[in-house]
Amino acid sequence: QVRLVESGGGLVQPGGSLTLSCAASGKTGNWHGMNWYRQPPGQERQLVASISATRTDIFYADAVKGRFTISRDASKNTLTLQMDSILPEDTAVYYCNLVAPGRSYWGQGTQVTVSS
């Protein structure tokens, strides 16, 4: 099995920065990539950013492009989302996701609240 545990969420002011981390454990086999999703209050879960297993292909949703940075440390098996120039609409529960052949894994989520 694969276990994903998010951390780093909390209260942040507009214009501030926050770093989310996802620690992965267990054997994944030949997996494809990892993603950050978020679910704002009253809305459906949406894709924020993606990174391939080789870290050569990266995707950002238009809403976060230029403000967020996704990265992965292969040696430590951790996924990171660096959030800069944070906006009130970034308020959401953020989820780590890993995609393997025929299976997808999810963390429990970490709350990010943007308020002045």
Protein backbone atom coordinates (compact mmCIF):
# COMPACT_ATOMS: atom_id res chain seq x y z
CA GLN A 1 0.00 0.00 0.00
CA VAL A 2 0.90 3.66 -0.38
CA ARG A 3 0.33 6.19 2.38
CA LEU A 4 0.28 9.94 1.74
CA VAL A 5 0.34 12.47 4.59
CA GLU A 6 -0.04 16.21 3.94
CA SER A 7 1.27 18.92 6.26
CA GLY A 8 1.97 22.64 6.31
CA GLY A 9 -1.54 24.06 6.12
CA GLY A 10 -2.80 26.83 8.35
CA LEU A 11 -3.89 30.47 8.46
CA VAL A 12 -2.14 32.88 6.09
CA GLN A 13 -2.74 36.51 5.07
CA PRO A 14 -3.41 37.59 1.47
CA GLY A 15 -0.09 38.16 -0.29
CA GLY A 16 1.69 35.80 2.05
CA SER A 17 3.41 32.48 1.43
CA LEU A 18 2.93 28.92 2.61
CA THR A 19 4.65 25.60 1.89
CA LEU A 20 2.67 22.37 1.78
CA SER A 21 4.40 18.99 2.01
CA CYS A 22 3.30 15.44 1.26
CA ALA A 23 5.24 12.53 2.71
CA ALA A 24 4.85 9.25 0.80
CA SER A 25 5.56 5.79 2.15
CA GLY A 26 5.13 2.25 0.87
CA LYS A 27 5.93 0.66 -2.47
CA THR A 28 4.32 2.30 -5.51
CA GLY A 29 5.77 0.24 -8.35
CA ASN A 30 6.04 1.93 -11.74
CA TRP A 31 3.99 5.03 -10.88
CA HIS A 32 3.15 7.88 -13.27
CA GLY A 33 3.16 11.09 -11.28
CA MET A 34 1.87 13.10 -8.35
CA ASN A 35 -0.68 15.89 -8.08
CA TRP A 36 -1.97 18.55 -5.73
CA TYR A 37 -5.75 19.00 -5.65
CA ARG A 38 -7.83 21.42 -3.61
CA GLN A 39 -11.47 21.69 -2.59
CA PRO A 40 -12.71 25.19 -1.71
CA PRO A 41 -15.78 25.53 0.54
CA GLY A 42 -18.95 24.58 -1.35
CA GLN A 43 -17.04 23.59 -4.49
CA GLU A 44 -15.85 20.38 -6.13
CA ARG A 45 -12.29 19.13 -5.87
CA GLN A 46 -10.05 20.65 -8.55
CA LEU A 47 -6.55 19.96 -9.89
CA VAL A 48 -3.94 22.52 -8.82
CA ALA A 49 -0.60 21.18 -10.10
CA SER A 50 1.00 17.98 -11.43
CA ILE A 51 4.50 16.60 -11.76
CA SER A 52 5.61 13.46 -13.61
CA ALA A 53 7.60 10.65 -12.01
CA THR A 54 10.71 11.84 -13.87
CA ARG A 55 10.00 15.47 -12.84
CA THR A 56 10.30 16.52 -16.51
CA ASP A 57 6.60 17.31 -17.07
CA ILE A 58 4.87 19.91 -14.90
CA PHE A 59 1.33 21.33 -15.08
CA TYR A 60 -0.33 24.24 -13.27
CA ALA A 61 -3.96 25.28 -13.25
CA ASP A 62 -4.50 28.77 -14.66
CA ALA A 63 -5.68 30.02 -11.27
CA VAL A 64 -2.29 29.33 -9.65
CA LYS A 65 0.11 29.72 -12.58
CA GLY A 66 2.99 32.03 -11.71
CA ARG A 67 2.21 31.88 -7.98
CA PHE A 68 2.58 28.21 -6.98
CA THR A 69 5.50 25.83 -7.55
CA ILE A 70 5.30 22.03 -7.42
CA SER A 71 8.40 19.92 -6.80
CA ARG A 72 9.42 16.48 -5.59
CA ASP A 73 12.44 15.26 -3.66
CA ALA A 74 12.95 11.69 -4.88
CA SER A 75 15.54 10.86 -2.22
CA LYS A 76 13.15 11.83 0.59
CA ASN A 77 9.98 10.71 -1.23
CA THR A 78 8.23 14.01 -0.54
CA LEU A 79 6.04 16.27 -2.68
CA THR A 80 5.99 20.03 -2.09
CA LEU A 81 3.69 22.88 -3.09
CA GLN A 82 5.24 26.32 -2.60
CA MET A 83 2.44 28.89 -2.45
CA ASP A 84 3.35 32.56 -3.00
CA SER A 85 1.25 35.70 -3.51
CA ILE A 86 -1.65 33.90 -1.87
CA LEU A 87 -5.19 35.09 -2.63
CA PRO A 88 -8.42 34.69 -0.61
CA GLU A 89 -9.74 32.29 -3.25
CA ASP A 90 -6.88 29.92 -2.42
CA THR A 91 -8.76 28.95 0.75
CA ALA A 92 -9.40 25.20 0.50
CA VAL A 93 -8.52 21.77 1.75
CA TYR A 94 -5.44 20.69 -0.20
CA TYR A 95 -4.93 17.01 -1.09
CA CYS A 96 -1.87 15.07 -2.24
CA ASN A 97 -2.48 12.45 -4.95
CA LEU A 98 -0.27 9.73 -6.46
CA VAL A 99 -1.18 7.96 -9.72
CA ALA A 100 0.09 4.41 -10.31
CA PRO A 101 -0.93 1.86 -12.98
CA GLY A 102 -4.60 1.08 -12.35
CA ARG A 103 -4.69 2.83 -8.99
CA SER A 104 -4.77 6.29 -7.41
CA TYR A 105 -3.83 7.17 -3.81
CA TRP A 106 -4.96 10.14 -1.69
CA GLY A 107 -3.86 11.84 1.48
CA GLN A 108 -6.23 13.05 4.19
CA GLY A 109 -5.89 16.72 3.23
CA THR A 110 -4.59 19.85 4.95
CA GLN A 111 -6.61 23.04 5.47
CA VAL A 112 -5.38 26.36 4.07
CA THR A 113 -7.31 29.43 5.23
CA VAL A 114 -6.53 32.85 3.72
CA SER A 115 -7.72 35.76 5.82
CA SER A 116 -6.57 39.21 6.88
